[in-house]
Amino acid sequence: MRRFVIIGHRADTTGNFKLDDVCGGAGRLDVLIRCVNSAFFLSHSIRRDVEVFLILQGGEDAPKTIRFCGDELRYLNPDERSTASLIRNALLKKVAEKEIRASPGIYVSRKSFEEILVDLAKGGELLYLKENGKDIRDVRLEGDLIFVLGDDRDLSKEEERILSVHASETLSLGPASYHSDHCITLVNNELDRRGL
């Protein structure tokens, strides 16, 4: 299983945004939408062995986590607007303490970044994607892998501190600084090449 955890530092948690303004009015939700699409879409199918966790930290109702579960997903299309609509619909659900199903394969909860990491660390290896890490091609990867990255901003010092308790490695994907969605594409390609 491949899992991606992406922090949306300013991403709106209320659902009160226009689908035509996911870049500005929704707190750079566009970055997270592209991450979802990069995680799941192949040329003519969807990756069923992937889970994506979007940790939304912006707005008056923060935090909220949207979880996309590949083996259950329906209605996910490659255009950003329809993915934004699925996220907005999930955010508009009344969420108490437990995770609830917003639509097939999409769940919403009030879990924080730290709570998600604690849960995930029980079932896989947490890996932090950052420019100054070890080259991913020099690291042995196996089992259930969980990759953690930021949106258009790096993780804060506090987020890195929380992650350091759980992450086993900090990995780099190459000599340049890449967009978050490109990082996910590169990870998927690397794992595909390794047959993982």
C-alpha atoms as a PDB file:
ATOM      1  CA  MET A   1       0.000   0.000   0.000  1.00  0.00           C
ATOM      2  CA  ARG A   2       1.195   3.499  -0.851  1.00  0.00           C
ATOM      3  CA  ARG A   3       0.034   6.394   1.253  1.00  0.00           C
ATOM      4  CA  PHE A   4       0.618  10.103   0.821  1.00  0.00           C
ATOM      5  CA  VAL A   5       0.078  12.674   3.570  1.00  0.00           C
ATOM      6  CA  ILE A   6      -0.028  16.266   2.350  1.00  0.00           C
ATOM      7  CA  ILE A   7      -0.408  19.251   4.661  1.00  0.00           C
ATOM      8  CA  GLY A   8      -2.535  22.076   3.289  1.00  0.00           C
ATOM      9  CA  HIS A   9      -1.289  24.897   5.490  1.00  0.00           C
ATOM     10  CA  ARG A  10      -3.925  27.412   4.329  1.00  0.00           C
ATOM     11  CA  ALA A  11      -6.470  25.054   2.754  1.00  0.00           C
ATOM     12  CA  ASP A  12     -10.026  26.018   3.687  1.00  0.00           C
ATOM     13  CA  THR A  13     -11.832  23.689   6.094  1.00  0.00           C
ATOM     14  CA  THR A  14     -15.318  25.212   5.906  1.00  0.00           C
ATOM     15  CA  GLY A  15     -16.251  24.379   2.314  1.00  0.00           C
ATOM     16  CA  ASN A  16     -17.275  28.022   1.815  1.00  0.00           C
ATOM     17  CA  PHE A  17     -15.323  28.615  -1.369  1.00  0.00           C
ATOM     18  CA  LYS A  18     -16.142  28.904  -5.036  1.00  0.00           C
ATOM     19  CA  LEU A  19     -15.065  26.117  -7.349  1.00  0.00           C
ATOM     20  CA  ASP A  20     -13.693  28.784  -9.684  1.00  0.00           C
ATOM     21  CA  ASP A  21     -11.320  30.059  -6.987  1.00  0.00           C
ATOM     22  CA  VAL A  22      -9.584  27.074  -5.405  1.00  0.00           C
ATOM     23  CA  CYS A  23      -6.215  28.803  -5.728  1.00  0.00           C
ATOM     24  CA  GLY A  24      -6.966  31.977  -3.786  1.00  0.00           C
ATOM     25  CA  GLY A  25     -10.295  31.710  -1.989  1.00  0.00           C
ATOM     26  CA  ALA A  26      -9.743  28.119  -0.858  1.00  0.00           C
ATOM     27  CA  GLY A  27      -6.217  28.621   0.459  1.00  0.00           C
ATOM     28  CA  ARG A  28      -4.208  26.956  -2.328  1.00  0.00           C
ATOM     29  CA  LEU A  29      -6.481  23.944  -2.410  1.00  0.00           C
ATOM     30  CA  ASP A  30      -5.417  23.672  -6.060  1.00  0.00           C
ATOM     31  CA  VAL A  31      -2.053  22.274  -4.914  1.00  0.00           C
ATOM     32  CA  LEU A  32      -3.774  19.514  -2.951  1.00  0.00           C
ATOM     33  CA  ILE A  33      -6.138  18.710  -5.814  1.00  0.00           C
ATOM     34  CA  ARG A  34      -3.194  18.188  -8.152  1.00  0.00           C
ATOM     35  CA  CYS A  35      -1.623  15.923  -5.519  1.00  0.00           C
ATOM     36  CA  VAL A  36      -4.767  13.776  -5.424  1.00  0.00           C
ATOM     37  CA  ASN A  37      -4.791  13.483  -9.204  1.00  0.00           C
ATOM     38  CA  SER A  38      -1.085  12.618  -9.353  1.00  0.00           C
ATOM     39  CA  ALA A  39      -1.505   9.965  -6.678  1.00  0.00           C
ATOM     40  CA  PHE A  40      -4.371   8.105  -8.334  1.00  0.00           C
ATOM     41  CA  PHE A  41      -4.541   8.578 -12.089  1.00  0.00           C
ATOM     42  CA  LEU A  42      -2.912   6.382 -14.663  1.00  0.00           C
ATOM     43  CA  SER A  43      -3.530   6.772 -18.383  1.00  0.00           C
ATOM     44  CA  HIS A  44      -6.730   4.711 -18.424  1.00  0.00           C
ATOM     45  CA  SER A  45      -7.335   3.701 -14.829  1.00  0.00           C
ATOM     46  CA  ILE A  46      -7.031   4.574 -11.145  1.00  0.00           C
ATOM     47  CA  ARG A  47      -4.443   3.201  -8.748  1.00  0.00           C
ATOM     48  CA  ARG A  48      -6.377   1.082  -6.261  1.00  0.00           C
ATOM     49  CA  ASP A  49      -3.437   0.506  -3.873  1.00  0.00           C
ATOM     50  CA  VAL A  50      -3.127   4.187  -2.864  1.00  0.00           C
ATOM     51  CA  GLU A  51      -4.481   6.258  -0.002  1.00  0.00           C
ATOM     52  CA  VAL A  52      -4.170  10.037   0.246  1.00  0.00           C
ATOM     53  CA  PHE A  53      -4.588  12.095   3.397  1.00  0.00           C
ATOM     54  CA  LEU A  54      -5.111  15.826   2.950  1.00  0.00           C
ATOM     55  CA  ILE A  55      -4.544  17.605   6.269  1.00  0.00           C
ATOM     56  CA  LEU A  56      -6.391  20.912   5.923  1.00  0.00           C
ATOM     57  CA  GLN A  57      -5.280  23.577   8.383  1.00  0.00           C
ATOM     58  CA  GLY A  58      -6.863  26.802   7.128  1.00  0.00           C
ATOM     59  CA  GLY A  59     -10.095  28.523   7.998  1.00  0.00           C
ATOM     60  CA  GLU A  60     -12.304  28.597  11.047  1.00  0.00           C
ATOM     61  CA  ASP A  61     -12.995  24.859  11.242  1.00  0.00           C
ATOM     62  CA  ALA A  62      -9.414  23.533  11.289  1.00  0.00           C
ATOM     63  CA  PRO A  63      -8.089  20.955  11.362  1.00  0.00           C
ATOM     64  CA  LYS A  64      -9.881  18.559   9.066  1.00  0.00           C
ATOM     65  CA  THR A  65      -8.526  15.551   7.217  1.00  0.00           C
ATOM     66  CA  ILE A  66      -9.892  14.283   3.932  1.00  0.00           C
ATOM     67  CA  ARG A  67      -8.933  10.670   3.215  1.00  0.00           C
ATOM     68  CA  PHE A  68      -9.136   9.225  -0.309  1.00  0.00           C
ATOM     69  CA  CYS A  69      -9.165   5.419  -0.420  1.00  0.00           C
ATOM     70  CA  GLY A  70      -8.244   4.095  -3.872  1.00  0.00           C
ATOM     71  CA  ASP A  71      -9.931   0.707  -3.666  1.00  0.00           C
ATOM     72  CA  GLU A  72     -13.298   2.345  -2.901  1.00  0.00           C
ATOM     73  CA  LEU A  73     -13.109   5.520  -5.000  1.00  0.00           C
ATOM     74  CA  ARG A  74     -15.945   6.457  -7.340  1.00  0.00           C
ATOM     75  CA  TYR A  75     -16.695   9.686  -9.181  1.00  0.00           C
ATOM     76  CA  LEU A  76     -13.064  10.905  -9.148  1.00  0.00           C
ATOM     77  CA  ASN A  77     -12.259  12.531 -12.490  1.00  0.00           C
ATOM     78  CA  PRO A  78      -8.956  14.011 -13.647  1.00  0.00           C
ATOM     79  CA  ASP A  79     -10.175  17.607 -13.863  1.00  0.00           C
ATOM     80  CA  GLU A  80      -9.446  19.861 -10.884  1.00  0.00           C
ATOM     81  CA  ARG A  81     -12.948  21.286 -10.639  1.00  0.00           C
ATOM     82  CA  SER A  82     -14.655  17.932 -10.029  1.00  0.00           C
ATOM     83  CA  THR A  83     -12.032  16.960  -7.424  1.00  0.00           C
ATOM     84  CA  ALA A  84     -12.573  20.340  -5.727  1.00  0.00           C
ATOM     85  CA  SER A  85     -16.291  19.607  -5.675  1.00  0.00           C
ATOM     86  CA  LEU A  86     -15.735  16.233  -3.973  1.00  0.00           C
ATOM     87  CA  ILE A  87     -13.535  17.906  -1.344  1.00  0.00           C
ATOM     88  CA  ARG A  88     -16.013  20.744  -0.782  1.00  0.00           C
ATOM     89  CA  ASN A  89     -18.875  18.254  -0.375  1.00  0.00           C
ATOM     90  CA  ALA A  90     -16.815  16.361   2.212  1.00  0.00           C
ATOM     91  CA  LEU A  91     -16.052  19.578   4.106  1.00  0.00           C
ATOM     92  CA  LEU A  92     -19.749  20.484   4.239  1.00  0.00           C
ATOM     93  CA  LYS A  93     -20.584  17.262   6.123  1.00  0.00           C
ATOM     94  CA  LYS A  94     -21.251  17.541   9.845  1.00  0.00           C
ATOM     95  CA  VAL A  95     -18.231  15.914  11.465  1.00  0.00           C
ATOM     96  CA  ALA A  96     -18.140  15.158  15.176  1.00  0.00           C
ATOM     97  CA  GLU A  97     -15.392  12.984  16.623  1.00  0.00           C
ATOM     98  CA  LYS A  98     -15.317   9.995  14.283  1.00  0.00           C
ATOM     99  CA  GLU A  99     -14.391   9.853  10.624  1.00  0.00           C
ATOM    100  CA  ILE A 100     -17.437   9.812   8.352  1.00  0.00           C
ATOM    101  CA  ARG A 101     -17.934   8.741   4.750  1.00  0.00           C
ATOM    102  CA  ALA A 102     -18.623  11.707   2.477  1.00  0.00           C
ATOM    103  CA  SER A 103     -18.866   9.739  -0.790  1.00  0.00           C
ATOM    104  CA  PRO A 104     -17.529   6.404  -2.055  1.00  0.00           C
ATOM    105  CA  GLY A 105     -13.838   6.278  -1.117  1.00  0.00           C
ATOM    106  CA  ILE A 106     -13.748   9.741   0.474  1.00  0.00           C
ATOM    107  CA  TYR A 107     -13.826  10.251   4.233  1.00  0.00           C
ATOM    108  CA  VAL A 108     -13.620  13.328   6.450  1.00  0.00           C
ATOM    109  CA  SER A 109     -12.523  13.661  10.069  1.00  0.00           C
ATOM    110  CA  ARG A 110     -11.290  16.252  12.533  1.00  0.00           C
ATOM    111  CA  LYS A 111      -7.970  14.486  13.008  1.00  0.00           C
ATOM    112  CA  SER A 112      -4.863  16.629  13.222  1.00  0.00           C
ATOM    113  CA  PHE A 113      -1.519  16.038  11.518  1.00  0.00           C
ATOM    114  CA  GLU A 114      -0.139  14.454  14.679  1.00  0.00           C
ATOM    115  CA  GLU A 115      -3.140  12.164  15.153  1.00  0.00           C
ATOM    116  CA  ILE A 116      -2.886  10.961  11.546  1.00  0.00           C
ATOM    117  CA  LEU A 117       0.843  10.235  11.956  1.00  0.00           C
ATOM    118  CA  VAL A 118       0.265   8.286  15.164  1.00  0.00           C
ATOM    119  CA  ASP A 119      -2.370   6.155  13.409  1.00  0.00           C
ATOM    120  CA  LEU A 120      -0.300   5.572  10.271  1.00  0.00           C
ATOM    121  CA  ALA A 121       2.954   4.786  12.093  1.00  0.00           C
ATOM    122  CA  LYS A 122       1.304   1.637  13.464  1.00  0.00           C
ATOM    123  CA  GLY A 123       0.960   0.126   9.984  1.00  0.00           C
ATOM    124  CA  GLY A 124       3.821   1.295   7.814  1.00  0.00           C
ATOM    125  CA  GLU A 125       7.068   3.172   7.362  1.00  0.00           C
ATOM    126  CA  LEU A 126       6.823   6.974   7.448  1.00  0.00           C
ATOM    127  CA  LEU A 127       9.117   8.802   5.027  1.00  0.00           C
ATOM    128  CA  TYR A 128       9.555  12.571   4.851  1.00  0.00           C
ATOM    129  CA  LEU A 129      10.067  14.031   1.361  1.00  0.00           C
ATOM    130  CA  LYS A 130      12.435  17.002   1.507  1.00  0.00           C
ATOM    131  CA  GLU A 131      15.126  18.389  -0.778  1.00  0.00           C
ATOM    132  CA  ASN A 132      18.027  17.728   1.632  1.00  0.00           C
ATOM    133  CA  GLY A 133      17.202  14.076   2.358  1.00  0.00           C
ATOM    134  CA  LYS A 134      18.894  10.892   1.171  1.00  0.00           C
ATOM    135  CA  ASP A 135      18.432  10.129  -2.508  1.00  0.00           C
ATOM    136  CA  ILE A 136      15.438   7.800  -2.820  1.00  0.00           C
ATOM    137  CA  ARG A 137      17.393   5.674  -5.300  1.00  0.00           C
ATOM    138  CA  ASP A 138      19.954   4.859  -2.617  1.00  0.00           C
ATOM    139  CA  VAL A 139      17.370   3.662  -0.076  1.00  0.00           C
ATOM    140  CA  ARG A 140      15.786   0.243   0.201  1.00  0.00           C
ATOM    141  CA  LEU A 141      11.994   0.512   0.228  1.00  0.00           C
ATOM    142  CA  GLU A 142       9.587  -2.266   1.147  1.00  0.00           C
ATOM    143  CA  GLY A 143       6.255  -2.929   2.789  1.00  0.00           C
ATOM    144  CA  ASP A 144       3.608  -0.284   3.371  1.00  0.00           C
ATOM    145  CA  LEU A 145       5.117   3.119   2.688  1.00  0.00           C
ATOM    146  CA  ILE A 146       3.782   6.480   3.859  1.00  0.00           C
ATOM    147  CA  PHE A 147       5.220   9.614   2.245  1.00  0.00           C
ATOM    148  CA  VAL A 148       4.757  12.965   3.994  1.00  0.00           C
ATOM    149  CA  LEU A 149       5.127  16.318   2.255  1.00  0.00           C
ATOM    150  CA  GLY A 150       3.960  19.909   2.354  1.00  0.00           C
ATOM    151  CA  ASP A 151       1.871  21.867  -0.123  1.00  0.00           C
ATOM    152  CA  ASP A 152       3.461  24.970  -1.656  1.00  0.00           C
ATOM    153  CA  ARG A 153       5.083  25.607   1.735  1.00  0.00           C
ATOM    154  CA  ASP A 154       7.581  23.490   3.611  1.00  0.00           C
ATOM    155  CA  LEU A 155       6.591  21.865   6.868  1.00  0.00           C
ATOM    156  CA  SER A 156       6.957  24.208   9.842  1.00  0.00           C
ATOM    157  CA  LYS A 157       9.571  23.537  12.543  1.00  0.00           C
ATOM    158  CA  GLU A 158       6.789  22.231  14.804  1.00  0.00           C
ATOM    159  CA  GLU A 159       5.436  19.933  12.073  1.00  0.00           C
ATOM    160  CA  GLU A 160       8.948  18.634  11.431  1.00  0.00           C
ATOM    161  CA  ARG A 161       9.367  18.002  15.156  1.00  0.00           C
ATOM    162  CA  ILE A 162       6.127  16.003  15.260  1.00  0.00           C
ATOM    163  CA  LEU A 163       7.124  14.073  12.146  1.00  0.00           C
ATOM    164  CA  SER A 164      10.629  13.324  13.462  1.00  0.00           C
ATOM    165  CA  VAL A 165       9.104  11.204  16.237  1.00  0.00           C
ATOM    166  CA  HIS A 166       7.587   8.852  13.650  1.00  0.00           C
ATOM    167  CA  ALA A 167       9.559   9.113  10.375  1.00  0.00           C
ATOM    168  CA  SER A 168      12.344   6.657   9.698  1.00  0.00           C
ATOM    169  CA  GLU A 169      14.005   8.569   6.834  1.00  0.00           C
ATOM    170  CA  THR A 170      14.085  11.904   5.051  1.00  0.00           C
ATOM    171  CA  LEU A 171      14.228  11.322   1.304  1.00  0.00           C
ATOM    172  CA  SER A 172      15.080  13.496  -1.674  1.00  0.00           C
ATOM    173  CA  LEU A 173      13.692  12.850  -5.146  1.00  0.00           C
ATOM    174  CA  GLY A 174      16.451  14.516  -7.116  1.00  0.00           C
ATOM    175  CA  PRO A 175      18.689  17.543  -7.522  1.00  0.00           C
ATOM    176  CA  ALA A 176      15.911  20.121  -7.998  1.00  0.00           C
ATOM    177  CA  SER A 177      12.989  21.409  -5.940  1.00  0.00           C
ATOM    178  CA  TYR A 178       9.756  19.957  -7.343  1.00  0.00           C
ATOM    179  CA  HIS A 179       6.083  20.802  -6.957  1.00  0.00           C
ATOM    180  CA  SER A 180       4.234  18.569  -4.486  1.00  0.00           C
ATOM    181  CA  ASP A 181       2.173  16.831  -7.172  1.00  0.00           C
ATOM    182  CA  HIS A 182       5.331  16.171  -9.201  1.00  0.00           C
ATOM    183  CA  CYS A 183       6.918  14.612  -6.105  1.00  0.00           C
ATOM    184  CA  ILE A 184       4.017  12.177  -5.901  1.00  0.00           C
ATOM    185  CA  THR A 185       4.384  11.311  -9.592  1.00  0.00           C
ATOM    186  CA  LEU A 186       8.113  10.684  -9.085  1.00  0.00           C
ATOM    187  CA  VAL A 187       7.463   8.459  -6.050  1.00  0.00           C
ATOM    188  CA  ASN A 188       4.846   6.459  -7.923  1.00  0.00           C
ATOM    189  CA  ASN A 189       7.250   6.029 -10.832  1.00  0.00           C
ATOM    190  CA  GLU A 190      10.067   4.908  -8.548  1.00  0.00           C
ATOM    191  CA  LEU A 191       7.848   2.359  -6.799  1.00  0.00           C
ATOM    192  CA  ASP A 192       6.430   1.147 -10.120  1.00  0.00           C
ATOM    193  CA  ARG A 193       9.961   0.565 -11.402  1.00  0.00           C
ATOM    194  CA  ARG A 194      10.776  -1.440  -8.291  1.00  0.00           C
ATOM    195  CA  GLY A 195       7.607  -3.480  -8.590  1.00  0.00           C
ATOM    196  CA  LEU A 196       6.340  -2.300  -5.211  1.00  0.00           C
END
